[in-house]
C-alpha atoms as a PDB file:
ATOM      1  CA  UNK A   1      18.946  56.936  12.359  1.00  0.00           C
ATOM      2  CA  UNK A   2      21.040  57.331  15.104  1.00  0.00           C
ATOM      3  CA  UNK A   3      24.728  55.316  14.683  1.00  0.00           C
ATOM      4  CA  UNK A   4      26.423  54.185  17.696  1.00  0.00           C
ATOM      5  CA  UNK A   5      30.408  54.433  17.338  1.00  0.00           C
ATOM      6  CA  UNK A   6      33.158  53.094  19.878  1.00  0.00           C
ATOM      7  CA  UNK A   7      36.900  53.856  19.841  1.00  0.00           C
ATOM      8  CA  UNK A   8      38.438  50.150  20.687  1.00  0.00           C
ATOM      9  CA  UNK A   9      41.662  51.857  22.150  1.00  0.00           C
ATOM     10  CA  UNK A  10      39.913  54.655  24.732  1.00  0.00           C
ATOM     11  CA  UNK A  11      36.304  53.087  24.832  1.00  0.00           C
ATOM     12  CA  UNK A  12      35.125  56.225  24.096  1.00  0.00           C
ATOM     13  CA  UNK A  13      31.630  56.491  22.534  1.00  0.00           C
ATOM     14  CA  UNK A  14      30.461  58.969  20.121  1.00  0.00           C
ATOM     15  CA  UNK A  15      26.686  58.663  18.680  1.00  0.00           C
ATOM     16  CA  UNK A  16      25.698  60.652  15.235  1.00  0.00           C
ATOM     17  CA  UNK A  17      23.034  60.456  12.379  1.00  0.00           C
ATOM     18  CA  UNK A  18      23.087  58.935   9.645  1.00  0.00           C
ATOM     19  CA  UNK A  19      21.423  61.878   6.970  1.00  0.00           C
ATOM     20  CA  UNK A  20      20.386  64.942   6.707  1.00  0.00           C
ATOM     21  CA  UNK A  21      21.847  67.321   9.238  1.00  0.00           C
ATOM     22  CA  UNK A  22      19.705  70.284  10.394  1.00  0.00           C
ATOM     23  CA  UNK A  23      22.257  71.892  12.661  1.00  0.00           C
ATOM     24  CA  UNK A  24      24.620  72.536   9.706  1.00  0.00           C
ATOM     25  CA  UNK A  25      22.282  73.999   7.732  1.00  0.00           C
ATOM     26  CA  UNK A  26      21.019  76.217  10.282  1.00  0.00           C
ATOM     27  CA  UNK A  27      24.318  76.959  11.898  1.00  0.00           C
ATOM     28  CA  UNK A  28      27.013  76.311   9.498  1.00  0.00           C
ATOM     29  CA  UNK A  29      30.394  75.510  10.747  1.00  0.00           C
ATOM     30  CA  UNK A  30      29.261  75.178  14.473  1.00  0.00           C
ATOM     31  CA  UNK A  31      28.232  71.562  14.836  1.00  0.00           C
ATOM     32  CA  UNK A  32      31.641  70.503  13.294  1.00  0.00           C
ATOM     33  CA  UNK A  33      33.527  72.683  16.083  1.00  0.00           C
ATOM     34  CA  UNK A  34      31.549  71.213  18.976  1.00  0.00           C
ATOM     35  CA  UNK A  35      32.115  67.460  17.893  1.00  0.00           C
ATOM     36  CA  UNK A  36      36.015  68.407  17.495  1.00  0.00           C
ATOM     37  CA  UNK A  37      36.321  67.643  13.650  1.00  0.00           C
ATOM     38  CA  UNK A  38      38.806  70.243  13.415  1.00  0.00           C
ATOM     39  CA  UNK A  39      39.556  69.488   9.628  1.00  0.00           C
ATOM     40  CA  UNK A  40      36.533  70.060   8.239  1.00  0.00           C
ATOM     41  CA  UNK A  41      35.309  73.099  10.859  1.00  0.00           C
ATOM     42  CA  UNK A  42      38.277  75.003   8.697  1.00  0.00           C
ATOM     43  CA  UNK A  43      36.807  73.679   5.615  1.00  0.00           C
ATOM     44  CA  UNK A  44      33.446  74.859   6.296  1.00  0.00           C
ATOM     45  CA  UNK A  45      34.362  77.846   7.628  1.00  0.00           C
ATOM     46  CA  UNK A  46      36.832  78.913   4.884  1.00  0.00           C
ATOM     47  CA  UNK A  47      34.336  78.077   2.218  1.00  0.00           C
ATOM     48  CA  UNK A  48      31.723  80.361   4.088  1.00  0.00           C
ATOM     49  CA  UNK A  49      33.819  82.759   4.363  1.00  0.00           C
ATOM     50  CA  UNK A  50      35.052  82.880   0.892  1.00  0.00           C
ATOM     51  CA  UNK A  51      31.530  82.353  -0.599  1.00  0.00           C
ATOM     52  CA  UNK A  52      29.859  84.532   1.858  1.00  0.00           C
ATOM     53  CA  UNK A  53      32.435  88.002   1.179  1.00  0.00           C
ATOM     54  CA  UNK A  54      31.077  87.545  -2.476  1.00  0.00           C
ATOM     55  CA  UNK A  55      27.560  87.189  -2.290  1.00  0.00           C
ATOM     56  CA  UNK A  56      26.411  89.168   0.393  1.00  0.00           C
ATOM     57  CA  UNK A  57      26.075  85.907   2.620  1.00  0.00           C
ATOM     58  CA  UNK A  58      23.784  84.329   0.339  1.00  0.00           C
ATOM     59  CA  UNK A  59      26.557  82.172  -0.629  1.00  0.00           C
ATOM     60  CA  UNK A  60      27.418  80.672   3.082  1.00  0.00           C
ATOM     61  CA  UNK A  61      23.503  79.945   2.767  1.00  0.00           C
ATOM     62  CA  UNK A  62      24.344  77.343  -0.227  1.00  0.00           C
ATOM     63  CA  UNK A  63      27.211  75.913   1.304  1.00  0.00           C
ATOM     64  CA  UNK A  64      25.559  75.052   4.431  1.00  0.00           C
ATOM     65  CA  UNK A  65      22.457  73.676   2.458  1.00  0.00           C
ATOM     66  CA  UNK A  66      25.054  71.147   0.669  1.00  0.00           C
ATOM     67  CA  UNK A  67      27.006  70.265   3.691  1.00  0.00           C
ATOM     68  CA  UNK A  68      23.960  69.811   5.548  1.00  0.00           C
ATOM     69  CA  UNK A  69      23.730  66.430   3.119  1.00  0.00           C
ATOM     70  CA  UNK A  70      27.022  65.626   3.391  1.00  0.00           C
ATOM     71  CA  UNK A  71      28.751  66.367   6.457  1.00  0.00           C
ATOM     72  CA  UNK A  72      27.213  63.587   8.366  1.00  0.00           C
ATOM     73  CA  UNK A  73      28.745  61.311   5.336  1.00  0.00           C
ATOM     74  CA  UNK A  74      32.408  62.951   5.747  1.00  0.00           C
ATOM     75  CA  UNK A  75      32.189  62.446   9.852  1.00  0.00           C
ATOM     76  CA  UNK A  76      31.184  59.100   9.741  1.00  0.00           C
ATOM     77  CA  UNK A  77      33.941  57.879   6.876  1.00  0.00           C
ATOM     78  CA  UNK A  78      36.909  59.608   9.342  1.00  0.00           C
ATOM     79  CA  UNK A  79      35.689  58.010  12.359  1.00  0.00           C
ATOM     80  CA  UNK A  80      35.694  54.554  10.517  1.00  0.00           C
ATOM     81  CA  UNK A  81      38.769  55.080   8.877  1.00  0.00           C
ATOM     82  CA  UNK A  82      40.454  56.260  12.349  1.00  0.00           C
ATOM     83  CA  UNK A  83      39.426  52.982  14.280  1.00  0.00           C
ATOM     84  CA  UNK A  84      35.959  53.194  15.243  1.00  0.00           C
ATOM     85  CA  UNK A  85      33.270  50.658  14.915  1.00  0.00           C
ATOM     86  CA  UNK A  86      29.746  50.332  15.348  1.00  0.00           C
ATOM     87  CA  UNK A  87      29.179  49.531  19.133  1.00  0.00           C
ATOM     88  CA  UNK A  88      25.840  47.479  18.335  1.00  0.00           C
ATOM     89  CA  UNK A  89      24.095  45.588  15.889  1.00  0.00           C
ATOM     90  CA  UNK A  90      21.639  48.158  14.991  1.00  0.00           C
ATOM     91  CA  UNK A  91      24.237  50.723  14.371  1.00  0.00           C
ATOM     92  CA  UNK A  92      26.382  48.415  12.241  1.00  0.00           C
ATOM     93  CA  UNK A  93      22.773  47.384  10.095  1.00  0.00           C
ATOM     94  CA  UNK A  94      22.974  51.059   9.681  1.00  0.00           C
ATOM     95  CA  UNK A  95      26.060  51.542   8.761  1.00  0.00           C
ATOM     96  CA  UNK A  96      25.907  48.471   6.229  1.00  0.00           C
ATOM     97  CA  UNK A  97      22.139  49.689   4.615  1.00  0.00           C
ATOM     98  CA  UNK A  98      23.544  53.174   3.918  1.00  0.00           C
ATOM     99  CA  UNK A  99      27.193  51.916   2.009  1.00  0.00           C
ATOM    100  CA  UNK A 100      29.573  52.609   4.615  1.00  0.00           C
ATOM    101  CA  UNK A 101      30.796  49.377   5.277  1.00  0.00           C
ATOM    102  CA  UNK A 102      30.063  45.980   3.916  1.00  0.00           C
ATOM    103  CA  UNK A 103      29.209  42.890   6.143  1.00  0.00           C
END
């Protein structure tokens, strides 16, 4: 389920998926970097480094698995808190059904 967001002040549009994120599962912190999400890029990278050092890289895989389930929720919540809103009715209905916003 893809959700379209629009920034009302800059008219910039972003599209993101609501749900499991395969790119975080396979590539870890890189999707956050490419989205320009510096906060979660730094957090995921730090957790990957710290957990990977002590577990020969297996901990980084576990961190990526966990963030695969929660990263899009964190990213969407950050967008909404920064003033972005759904740009169409289908995106709004997805956000309502997933519990991000109320009707």
